[in-house]
PDB file of N, CA and C in Angstrom:
ATOM      1  N   MET A   1     116.048 122.934 124.683  1.00  0.00           N
ATOM      2  CA  MET A   1     115.629 122.480 123.367  1.00  0.00           C
ATOM      3  C   MET A   1     114.532 121.428 123.545  1.00  0.00           C
ATOM      4  N   PRO A   2     113.394 121.579 122.862  1.00  0.00           N
ATOM      5  CA  PRO A   2     112.303 120.619 123.002  1.00  0.00           C
ATOM      6  C   PRO A   2     112.689 119.234 122.482  1.00  0.00           C
ATOM      7  N   VAL A   3     112.134 118.228 123.139  1.00  0.00           N
ATOM      8  CA  VAL A   3     112.374 116.847 122.734  1.00  0.00           C
ATOM      9  C   VAL A   3     111.341 116.479 121.674  1.00  0.00           C
ATOM     10  N   ALA A   4     111.797 115.905 120.555  1.00  0.00           N
ATOM     11  CA  ALA A   4     110.888 115.481 119.496  1.00  0.00           C
ATOM     12  C   ALA A   4     110.194 114.187 119.908  1.00  0.00           C
ATOM     13  N   TYR A   5     108.963 114.043 119.514  1.00  0.00           N
ATOM     14  CA  TYR A   5     108.232 112.809 119.783  1.00  0.00           C
ATOM     15  C   TYR A   5     107.265 112.567 118.636  1.00  0.00           C
ATOM     16  N   ASP A   6     106.905 111.319 118.481  1.00  0.00           N
ATOM     17  CA  ASP A   6     105.931 110.959 117.456  1.00  0.00           C
ATOM     18  C   ASP A   6     104.538 111.306 117.955  1.00  0.00           C
ATOM     19  N   GLU A   7     103.723 111.774 117.048  1.00  0.00           N
ATOM     20  CA  GLU A   7     102.339 112.052 117.391  1.00  0.00           C
ATOM     21  C   GLU A   7     101.645 110.743 117.765  1.00  0.00           C
ATOM     22  N   PRO A   8     100.728 110.778 118.734  1.00  0.00           N
ATOM     23  CA  PRO A   8      99.974 109.573 119.076  1.00  0.00           C
ATOM     24  C   PRO A   8      99.190 109.080 117.861  1.00  0.00           C
ATOM     25  N   ALA A   9      99.060 107.784 117.776  1.00  0.00           N
ATOM     26  CA  ALA A   9      98.313 107.202 116.658  1.00  0.00           C
ATOM     27  C   ALA A   9      97.495 106.029 117.170  1.00  0.00           C
ATOM     28  N   ASN A  10      96.356 105.821 116.552  1.00  0.00           N
ATOM     29  CA  ASN A  10      95.549 104.658 116.871  1.00  0.00           C
ATOM     30  C   ASN A  10      96.086 103.475 116.075  1.00  0.00           C
ATOM     31  N   VAL A  11      96.398 102.416 116.767  1.00  0.00           N
ATOM     32  CA  VAL A  11      96.882 101.201 116.143  1.00  0.00           C
ATOM     33  C   VAL A  11      95.698 100.256 116.048  1.00  0.00           C
ATOM     34  N   VAL A  12      95.553  99.564 114.915  1.00  0.00           N
ATOM     35  CA  VAL A  12      94.353  98.782 114.645  1.00  0.00           C
ATOM     36  C   VAL A  12      94.015  97.823 115.782  1.00  0.00           C
ATOM     37  N   TRP A  13      95.003  97.158 116.383  1.00  0.00           N
ATOM     38  CA  TRP A  13      94.693  96.201 117.438  1.00  0.00           C
ATOM     39  C   TRP A  13      94.459  96.866 118.788  1.00  0.00           C
ATOM     40  N   GLN A  14      94.552  98.177 118.825  1.00  0.00           N
ATOM     41  CA  GLN A  14      94.260  98.895 120.052  1.00  0.00           C
ATOM     42  C   GLN A  14      92.983  99.736 119.939  1.00  0.00           C
ATOM     43  N   THR A  15      92.335  99.688 118.797  1.00  0.00           N
ATOM     44  CA  THR A  15      91.199 100.542 118.544  1.00  0.00           C
ATOM     45  C   THR A  15      90.001  99.710 118.126  1.00  0.00           C
ATOM     46  N   GLN A  16      88.907  99.853 118.828  1.00  0.00           N
ATOM     47  CA  GLN A  16      87.663  99.162 118.492  1.00  0.00           C
ATOM     48  C   GLN A  16      86.866 100.086 117.582  1.00  0.00           C
ATOM     49  N   ILE A  17      86.829  99.800 116.294  1.00  0.00           N
ATOM     50  CA  ILE A  17      86.182 100.669 115.328  1.00  0.00           C
ATOM     51  C   ILE A  17      84.665 100.486 115.344  1.00  0.00           C
ATOM     52  N   ASP A  18      84.213  99.272 115.504  1.00  0.00           N
ATOM     53  CA  ASP A  18      82.789  98.972 115.387  1.00  0.00           C
ATOM     54  C   ASP A  18      82.029  99.075 116.696  1.00  0.00           C
ATOM     55  N   GLY A  19      82.482  99.852 117.627  1.00  0.00           N
ATOM     56  CA  GLY A  19      81.780  99.981 118.894  1.00  0.00           C
ATOM     57  C   GLY A  19      82.215  98.925 119.887  1.00  0.00           C
ATOM     58  N   GLU A  20      81.315  98.601 120.784  1.00  0.00           N
ATOM     59  CA  GLU A  20      81.613  97.644 121.849  1.00  0.00           C
ATOM     60  C   GLU A  20      81.718  96.215 121.312  1.00  0.00           C
ATOM     61  N   PRO A  21      82.585  95.394 121.920  1.00  0.00           N
ATOM     62  CA  PRO A  21      82.659  93.986 121.517  1.00  0.00           C
ATOM     63  C   PRO A  21      81.337  93.280 121.815  1.00  0.00           C
ATOM     64  N   ASP A  22      80.983  92.310 120.968  1.00  0.00           N
ATOM     65  CA  ASP A  22      79.756  91.554 121.208  1.00  0.00           C
ATOM     66  C   ASP A  22      80.005  90.471 122.257  1.00  0.00           C
ATOM     67  N   ALA A  23      78.954  89.739 122.598  1.00  0.00           N
ATOM     68  CA  ALA A  23      79.046  88.720 123.651  1.00  0.00           C
ATOM     69  C   ALA A  23      80.076  87.648 123.304  1.00  0.00           C
ATOM     70  N   TYR A  24      80.154  87.258 122.041  1.00  0.00           N
ATOM     71  CA  TYR A  24      81.132  86.254 121.611  1.00  0.00           C
ATOM     72  C   TYR A  24      82.553  86.754 121.828  1.00  0.00           C
ATOM     73  N   ALA A  25      82.848  87.977 121.388  1.00  0.00           N
ATOM     74  CA  ALA A  25      84.191  88.541 121.541  1.00  0.00           C
ATOM     75  C   ALA A  25      84.569  88.655 123.020  1.00  0.00           C
ATOM     76  N   MET A  26      83.616  89.035 123.854  1.00  0.00           N
ATOM     77  CA  MET A  26      83.891  89.136 125.285  1.00  0.00           C
ATOM     78  C   MET A  26      84.136  87.763 125.902  1.00  0.00           C
ATOM     79  N   ALA A  27      83.348  86.757 125.497  1.00  0.00           N
ATOM     80  CA  ALA A  27      83.552  85.402 126.021  1.00  0.00           C
ATOM     81  C   ALA A  27      84.906  84.869 125.605  1.00  0.00           C
ATOM     82  N   LEU A  28      85.299  85.122 124.361  1.00  0.00           N
ATOM     83  CA  LEU A  28      86.609  84.681 123.879  1.00  0.00           C
ATOM     84  C   LEU A  28      87.723  85.406 124.634  1.00  0.00           C
ATOM     85  N   ALA A  29      87.578  86.708 124.826  1.00  0.00           N
ATOM     86  CA  ALA A  29      88.585  87.472 125.569  1.00  0.00           C
ATOM     87  C   ALA A  29      88.726  86.949 126.996  1.00  0.00           C
ATOM     88  N   ASN A  30      87.614  86.668 127.648  1.00  0.00           N
ATOM     89  CA  ASN A  30      87.666  86.140 129.019  1.00  0.00           C
ATOM     90  C   ASN A  30      88.318  84.767 129.057  1.00  0.00           C
ATOM     91  N   ALA A  31      87.991  83.917 128.081  1.00  0.00           N
ATOM     92  CA  ALA A  31      88.603  82.590 128.027  1.00  0.00           C
ATOM     93  C   ALA A  31      90.109  82.705 127.811  1.00  0.00           C
ATOM     94  N   LEU A  32      90.517  83.569 126.904  1.00  0.00           N
ATOM     95  CA  LEU A  32      91.951  83.740 126.633  1.00  0.00           C
ATOM     96  C   LEU A  32      92.671  84.329 127.836  1.00  0.00           C
ATOM     97  N   GLU A  33      92.037  85.243 128.535  1.00  0.00           N
ATOM     98  CA  GLU A  33      92.647  85.812 129.740  1.00  0.00           C
ATOM     99  C   GLU A  33      92.930  84.708 130.762  1.00  0.00           C
ATOM    100  N   GLY A  34      91.970  83.807 130.931  1.00  0.00           N
ATOM    101  CA  GLY A  34      92.167  82.692 131.853  1.00  0.00           C
ATOM    102  C   GLY A  34      93.258  81.740 131.389  1.00  0.00           C
ATOM    103  N   ILE A  35      93.296  81.470 130.094  1.00  0.00           N
ATOM    104  CA  ILE A  35      94.316  80.574 129.535  1.00  0.00           C
ATOM    105  C   ILE A  35      95.696  81.178 129.707  1.00  0.00           C
ATOM    106  N   PHE A  36      95.854  82.443 129.308  1.00  0.00           N
ATOM    107  CA  PHE A  36      97.155  83.098 129.453  1.00  0.00           C
ATOM    108  C   PHE A  36      97.541  83.232 130.922  1.00  0.00           C
ATOM    109  N   GLY A  37      96.563  83.445 131.777  1.00  0.00           N
ATOM    110  CA  GLY A  37      96.819  83.559 133.205  1.00  0.00           C
ATOM    111  C   GLY A  37      97.363  82.283 133.823  1.00  0.00           C
ATOM    112  N   ARG A  38      97.101  81.155 133.177  1.00  0.00           N
ATOM    113  CA  ARG A  38      97.650  79.871 133.647  1.00  0.00           C
ATOM    114  C   ARG A  38      99.011  79.577 133.032  1.00  0.00           C
ATOM    115  N   GLY A  39      99.562  80.557 132.312  1.00  0.00           N
ATOM    116  CA  GLY A  39     100.890  80.395 131.737  1.00  0.00           C
ATOM    117  C   GLY A  39     100.908  79.630 130.423  1.00  0.00           C
ATOM    118  N   ILE A  40      99.768  79.478 129.808  1.00  0.00           N
ATOM    119  CA  ILE A  40      99.685  78.767 128.530  1.00  0.00           C
ATOM    120  C   ILE A  40      99.833  79.790 127.418  1.00  0.00           C
ATOM    121  N   HIS A  41     100.846  79.568 126.550  1.00  0.00           N
ATOM    122  CA  HIS A  41     101.122  80.533 125.488  1.00  0.00           C
ATOM    123  C   HIS A  41     101.336  79.891 124.131  1.00  0.00           C
ATOM    124  N   GLU A  42     101.452  78.585 124.073  1.00  0.00           N
ATOM    125  CA  GLU A  42     101.651  77.896 122.793  1.00  0.00           C
ATOM    126  C   GLU A  42     100.296  77.704 122.128  1.00  0.00           C
ATOM    127  N   ILE A  43     100.241  77.961 120.824  1.00  0.00           N
ATOM    128  CA  ILE A  43      98.956  77.955 120.124  1.00  0.00           C
ATOM    129  C   ILE A  43      98.240  76.616 120.202  1.00  0.00           C
ATOM    130  N   GLU A  44      98.977  75.516 120.151  1.00  0.00           N
ATOM    131  CA  GLU A  44      98.336  74.197 120.230  1.00  0.00           C
ATOM    132  C   GLU A  44      97.632  74.012 121.576  1.00  0.00           C
ATOM    133  N   GLU A  45      98.272  74.460 122.637  1.00  0.00           N
ATOM    134  CA  GLU A  45      97.664  74.364 123.969  1.00  0.00           C
ATOM    135  C   GLU A  45      96.488  75.331 124.111  1.00  0.00           C
ATOM    136  N   ILE A  46      96.607  76.503 123.509  1.00  0.00           N
ATOM    137  CA  ILE A  46      95.519  77.478 123.567  1.00  0.00           C
ATOM    138  C   ILE A  46      94.271  76.901 122.915  1.00  0.00           C
ATOM    139  N   VAL A  47      94.418  76.338 121.691  1.00  0.00           N
ATOM    140  CA  VAL A  47      93.234  75.812 121.013  1.00  0.00           C
ATOM    141  C   VAL A  47      92.684  74.588 121.734  1.00  0.00           C
ATOM    142  N   ASP A  48      93.560  73.779 122.348  1.00  0.00           N
ATOM    143  CA  ASP A  48      93.064  72.647 123.146  1.00  0.00           C
ATOM    144  C   ASP A  48      92.179  73.137 124.282  1.00  0.00           C
ATOM    145  N   ARG A  49      92.626  74.169 124.996  1.00  0.00           N
ATOM    146  CA  ARG A  49      91.843  74.699 126.120  1.00  0.00           C
ATOM    147  C   ARG A  49      90.541  75.325 125.631  1.00  0.00           C
ATOM    148  N   LEU A  50      90.600  76.049 124.513  1.00  0.00           N
ATOM    149  CA  LEU A  50      89.374  76.642 123.971  1.00  0.00           C
ATOM    150  C   LEU A  50      88.379  75.566 123.569  1.00  0.00           C
ATOM    151  N   ASN A  51      88.859  74.459 123.024  1.00  0.00           N
ATOM    152  CA  ASN A  51      87.960  73.364 122.659  1.00  0.00           C
ATOM    153  C   ASN A  51      87.353  72.707 123.897  1.00  0.00           C
ATOM    154  N   GLU A  52      88.083  72.719 125.007  1.00  0.00           N
ATOM    155  CA  GLU A  52      87.572  72.147 126.260  1.00  0.00           C
ATOM    156  C   GLU A  52      86.556  73.072 126.930  1.00  0.00           C
ATOM    157  N   THR A  53      86.852  74.376 126.931  1.00  0.00           N
ATOM    158  CA  THR A  53      86.066  75.311 127.738  1.00  0.00           C
ATOM    159  C   THR A  53      85.153  76.226 126.942  1.00  0.00           C
ATOM    160  N   GLY A  54      85.448  76.416 125.662  1.00  0.00           N
ATOM    161  CA  GLY A  54      84.674  77.352 124.855  1.00  0.00           C
ATOM    162  C   GLY A  54      85.188  78.760 125.023  1.00  0.00           C
ATOM    163  N   PRO A  55      84.606  79.664 124.306  1.00  0.00           N
ATOM    164  CA  PRO A  55      83.449  79.501 123.440  1.00  0.00           C
ATOM    165  C   PRO A  55      83.830  78.791 122.139  1.00  0.00           C
ATOM    166  N   ASN A  56      82.819  78.239 121.475  1.00  0.00           N
ATOM    167  CA  ASN A  56      83.061  77.615 120.186  1.00  0.00           C
ATOM    168  C   ASN A  56      83.364  78.693 119.155  1.00  0.00           C
ATOM    169  N   PRO A  57      84.210  78.380 118.186  1.00  0.00           N
ATOM    170  CA  PRO A  57      84.529  79.399 117.178  1.00  0.00           C
ATOM    171  C   PRO A  57      83.330  79.670 116.284  1.00  0.00           C
ATOM    172  N   GLU A  58      83.205  80.903 115.859  1.00  0.00           N
ATOM    173  CA  GLU A  58      82.136  81.241 114.925  1.00  0.00           C
ATOM    174  C   GLU A  58      82.526  80.736 113.537  1.00  0.00           C
ATOM    175  N   GLY A  59      81.639  79.990 112.916  1.00  0.00           N
ATOM    176  CA  GLY A  59      81.864  79.537 111.553  1.00  0.00           C
ATOM    177  C   GLY A  59      82.750  78.318 111.403  1.00  0.00           C
ATOM    178  N   ALA A  60      83.093  77.646 112.493  1.00  0.00           N
ATOM    179  CA  ALA A  60      83.927  76.450 112.419  1.00  0.00           C
ATOM    180  C   ALA A  60      83.453  75.450 113.464  1.00  0.00           C
ATOM    181  N   LYS A  61      83.746  74.179 113.220  1.00  0.00           N
ATOM    182  CA  LYS A  61      83.313  73.129 114.146  1.00  0.00           C
ATOM    183  C   LYS A  61      84.114  73.151 115.445  1.00  0.00           C
ATOM    184  N   GLU A  62      85.417  73.373 115.313  1.00  0.00           N
ATOM    185  CA  GLU A  62      86.279  73.407 116.502  1.00  0.00           C
ATOM    186  C   GLU A  62      87.450  74.339 116.243  1.00  0.00           C
ATOM    187  N   TRP A  63      88.135  74.646 117.352  1.00  0.00           N
ATOM    188  CA  TRP A  63      89.327  75.484 117.256  1.00  0.00           C
ATOM    189  C   TRP A  63      90.485  74.668 116.708  1.00  0.00           C
ATOM    190  N   THR A  64      91.220  75.249 115.779  1.00  0.00           N
ATOM    191  CA  THR A  64      92.489  74.736 115.291  1.00  0.00           C
ATOM    192  C   THR A  64      93.436  75.936 115.272  1.00  0.00           C
ATOM    193  N   PRO A  65      94.732  75.708 115.131  1.00  0.00           N
ATOM    194  CA  PRO A  65      95.620  76.875 115.023  1.00  0.00           C
ATOM    195  C   PRO A  65      95.220  77.818 113.889  1.00  0.00           C
ATOM    196  N   ALA A  66      94.828  77.274 112.746  1.00  0.00           N
ATOM    197  CA  ALA A  66      94.445  78.122 111.612  1.00  0.00           C
ATOM    198  C   ALA A  66      93.163  78.904 111.916  1.00  0.00           C
ATOM    199  N   VAL A  67      92.185  78.254 112.534  1.00  0.00           N
ATOM    200  CA  VAL A  67      90.935  78.930 112.894  1.00  0.00           C
ATOM    201  C   VAL A  67      91.228  80.029 113.918  1.00  0.00           C
ATOM    202  N   PHE A  68      92.067  79.722 114.920  1.00  0.00           N
ATOM    203  CA  PHE A  68      92.410  80.706 115.941  1.00  0.00           C
ATOM    204  C   PHE A  68      93.091  81.931 115.310  1.00  0.00           C
ATOM    205  N   GLU A  69      94.083  81.693 114.457  1.00  0.00           N
ATOM    206  CA  GLU A  69      94.797  82.802 113.832  1.00  0.00           C
ATOM    207  C   GLU A  69      93.855  83.648 112.975  1.00  0.00           C
ATOM    208  N   ALA A  70      92.973  82.992 112.206  1.00  0.00           N
ATOM    209  CA  ALA A  70      92.033  83.737 111.375  1.00  0.00           C
ATOM    210  C   ALA A  70      91.072  84.552 112.233  1.00  0.00           C
ATOM    211  N   GLU A  71      90.657  84.002 113.361  1.00  0.00           N
ATOM    212  CA  GLU A  71      89.736  84.711 114.249  1.00  0.00           C
ATOM    213  C   GLU A  71      90.424  85.906 114.891  1.00  0.00           C
ATOM    214  N   MET A  72      91.687  85.792 115.241  1.00  0.00           N
ATOM    215  CA  MET A  72      92.420  86.920 115.810  1.00  0.00           C
ATOM    216  C   MET A  72      92.547  88.037 114.777  1.00  0.00           C
ATOM    217  N   VAL A  73      92.783  87.673 113.525  1.00  0.00           N
ATOM    218  CA  VAL A  73      92.849  88.688 112.467  1.00  0.00           C
ATOM    219  C   VAL A  73      91.490  89.340 112.290  1.00  0.00           C
ATOM    220  N   ARG A  74      90.435  88.534 112.232  1.00  0.00           N
ATOM    221  CA  ARG A  74      89.084  89.057 112.034  1.00  0.00           C
ATOM    222  C   ARG A  74      88.678  90.028 113.145  1.00  0.00           C
ATOM    223  N   LEU A  75      89.039  89.676 114.373  1.00  0.00           N
ATOM    224  CA  LEU A  75      88.668  90.504 115.521  1.00  0.00           C
ATOM    225  C   LEU A  75      89.633  91.662 115.744  1.00  0.00           C
ATOM    226  N   GLY A  76      90.708  91.700 114.970  1.00  0.00           N
ATOM    227  CA  GLY A  76      91.654  92.802 115.092  1.00  0.00           C
ATOM    228  C   GLY A  76      92.571  92.673 116.277  1.00  0.00           C
ATOM    229  N   ALA A  77      92.799  91.435 116.738  1.00  0.00           N
ATOM    230  CA  ALA A  77      93.670  91.230 117.899  1.00  0.00           C
ATOM    231  C   ALA A  77      95.128  91.196 117.493  1.00  0.00           C
TER     232      ALA A  77
END
Protein backbone atom coordinates (compact mmCIF):
# COMPACT_ATOMS: atom_id res chain seq x y z
CA MET A 1 0.00 0.00 0.00
CA PRO A 2 1.50 3.39 -0.98
CA VAL A 3 2.45 5.80 1.77
CA ALA A 4 0.60 9.13 1.64
CA TYR A 5 2.68 12.29 1.72
CA ASP A 6 2.09 15.98 1.39
CA GLU A 7 2.99 17.57 -1.89
CA PRO A 8 6.13 19.74 -1.70
CA ALA A 9 5.38 23.41 -1.22
CA ASN A 10 7.40 26.58 -1.30
CA VAL A 11 7.38 28.24 2.09
CA VAL A 12 7.78 32.03 2.04
CA TRP A 13 10.92 32.05 4.20
CA GLN A 14 12.50 29.39 2.03
CA THR A 15 11.77 31.00 -1.32
CA GLN A 16 13.46 34.07 -2.78
CA ILE A 17 10.76 35.59 -4.98
CA ASP A 18 12.60 38.71 -6.11
CA GLY A 19 15.71 37.01 -7.44
CA GLU A 20 19.10 37.12 -5.80
CA PRO A 21 19.60 38.89 -2.45
CA ASP A 22 21.17 42.33 -2.73
CA ALA A 23 24.48 43.33 -1.12
CA TYR A 24 22.72 44.55 2.05
CA ALA A 25 20.81 41.28 2.53
CA MET A 26 24.00 39.28 1.99
CA ALA A 27 25.96 41.43 4.46
CA LEU A 28 23.20 41.03 7.04
CA ALA A 29 23.06 37.26 6.45
CA ASN A 30 26.84 36.97 6.87
CA ALA A 31 26.77 39.06 10.04
CA LEU A 32 23.96 36.96 11.50
CA GLU A 33 25.75 33.74 10.58
CA GLY A 34 28.77 34.93 12.55
CA ILE A 35 26.64 36.03 15.50
CA PHE A 36 24.72 32.76 15.65
CA GLY A 37 27.97 30.86 15.19
CA ARG A 38 29.24 32.40 18.43
CA GLY A 39 26.22 31.00 20.25
CA ILE A 40 24.38 34.31 20.50
CA HIS A 41 20.63 33.81 20.15
CA GLU A 42 18.93 36.41 22.34
CA ILE A 43 17.57 39.35 20.35
CA GLU A 44 19.09 41.99 22.63
CA GLU A 45 22.55 40.49 22.14
CA ILE A 46 21.99 40.10 18.40
CA VAL A 47 21.13 43.78 17.95
CA ASP A 48 24.07 44.80 20.16
CA ARG A 49 26.45 42.84 17.92
CA LEU A 50 24.86 44.22 14.75
CA ASN A 51 25.28 47.76 16.09
CA GLU A 52 28.96 47.00 16.79
CA THR A 53 29.78 45.26 13.51
CA GLY A 54 27.12 46.27 11.00
CA PRO A 55 25.64 46.39 8.56
CA ASN A 56 23.55 49.37 9.56
CA PRO A 57 19.81 48.83 9.22
CA GLU A 58 18.13 50.27 6.17
CA GLY A 59 15.83 53.13 7.12
CA ALA A 60 16.82 53.33 10.80
CA LYS A 61 19.62 54.92 12.80
CA GLU A 62 20.50 51.76 14.73
CA TRP A 63 19.38 48.23 15.37
CA THR A 64 16.75 47.69 18.05
CA PRO A 65 14.68 44.56 18.68
CA ALA A 66 11.73 46.18 16.88
CA VAL A 67 13.87 47.23 13.89
CA PHE A 68 15.43 43.74 13.72
CA GLU A 69 12.04 42.00 13.81
CA ALA A 70 10.60 44.33 11.16
CA GLU A 71 13.64 43.75 8.94
CA MET A 72 13.31 39.97 9.25
CA VAL A 73 9.67 40.24 8.19
CA ARG A 74 10.55 42.55 5.30
CA LEU A 75 13.28 40.22 4.07
CA GLY A 76 11.08 37.17 4.47
CA ALA A 77 13.30 35.52 7.08
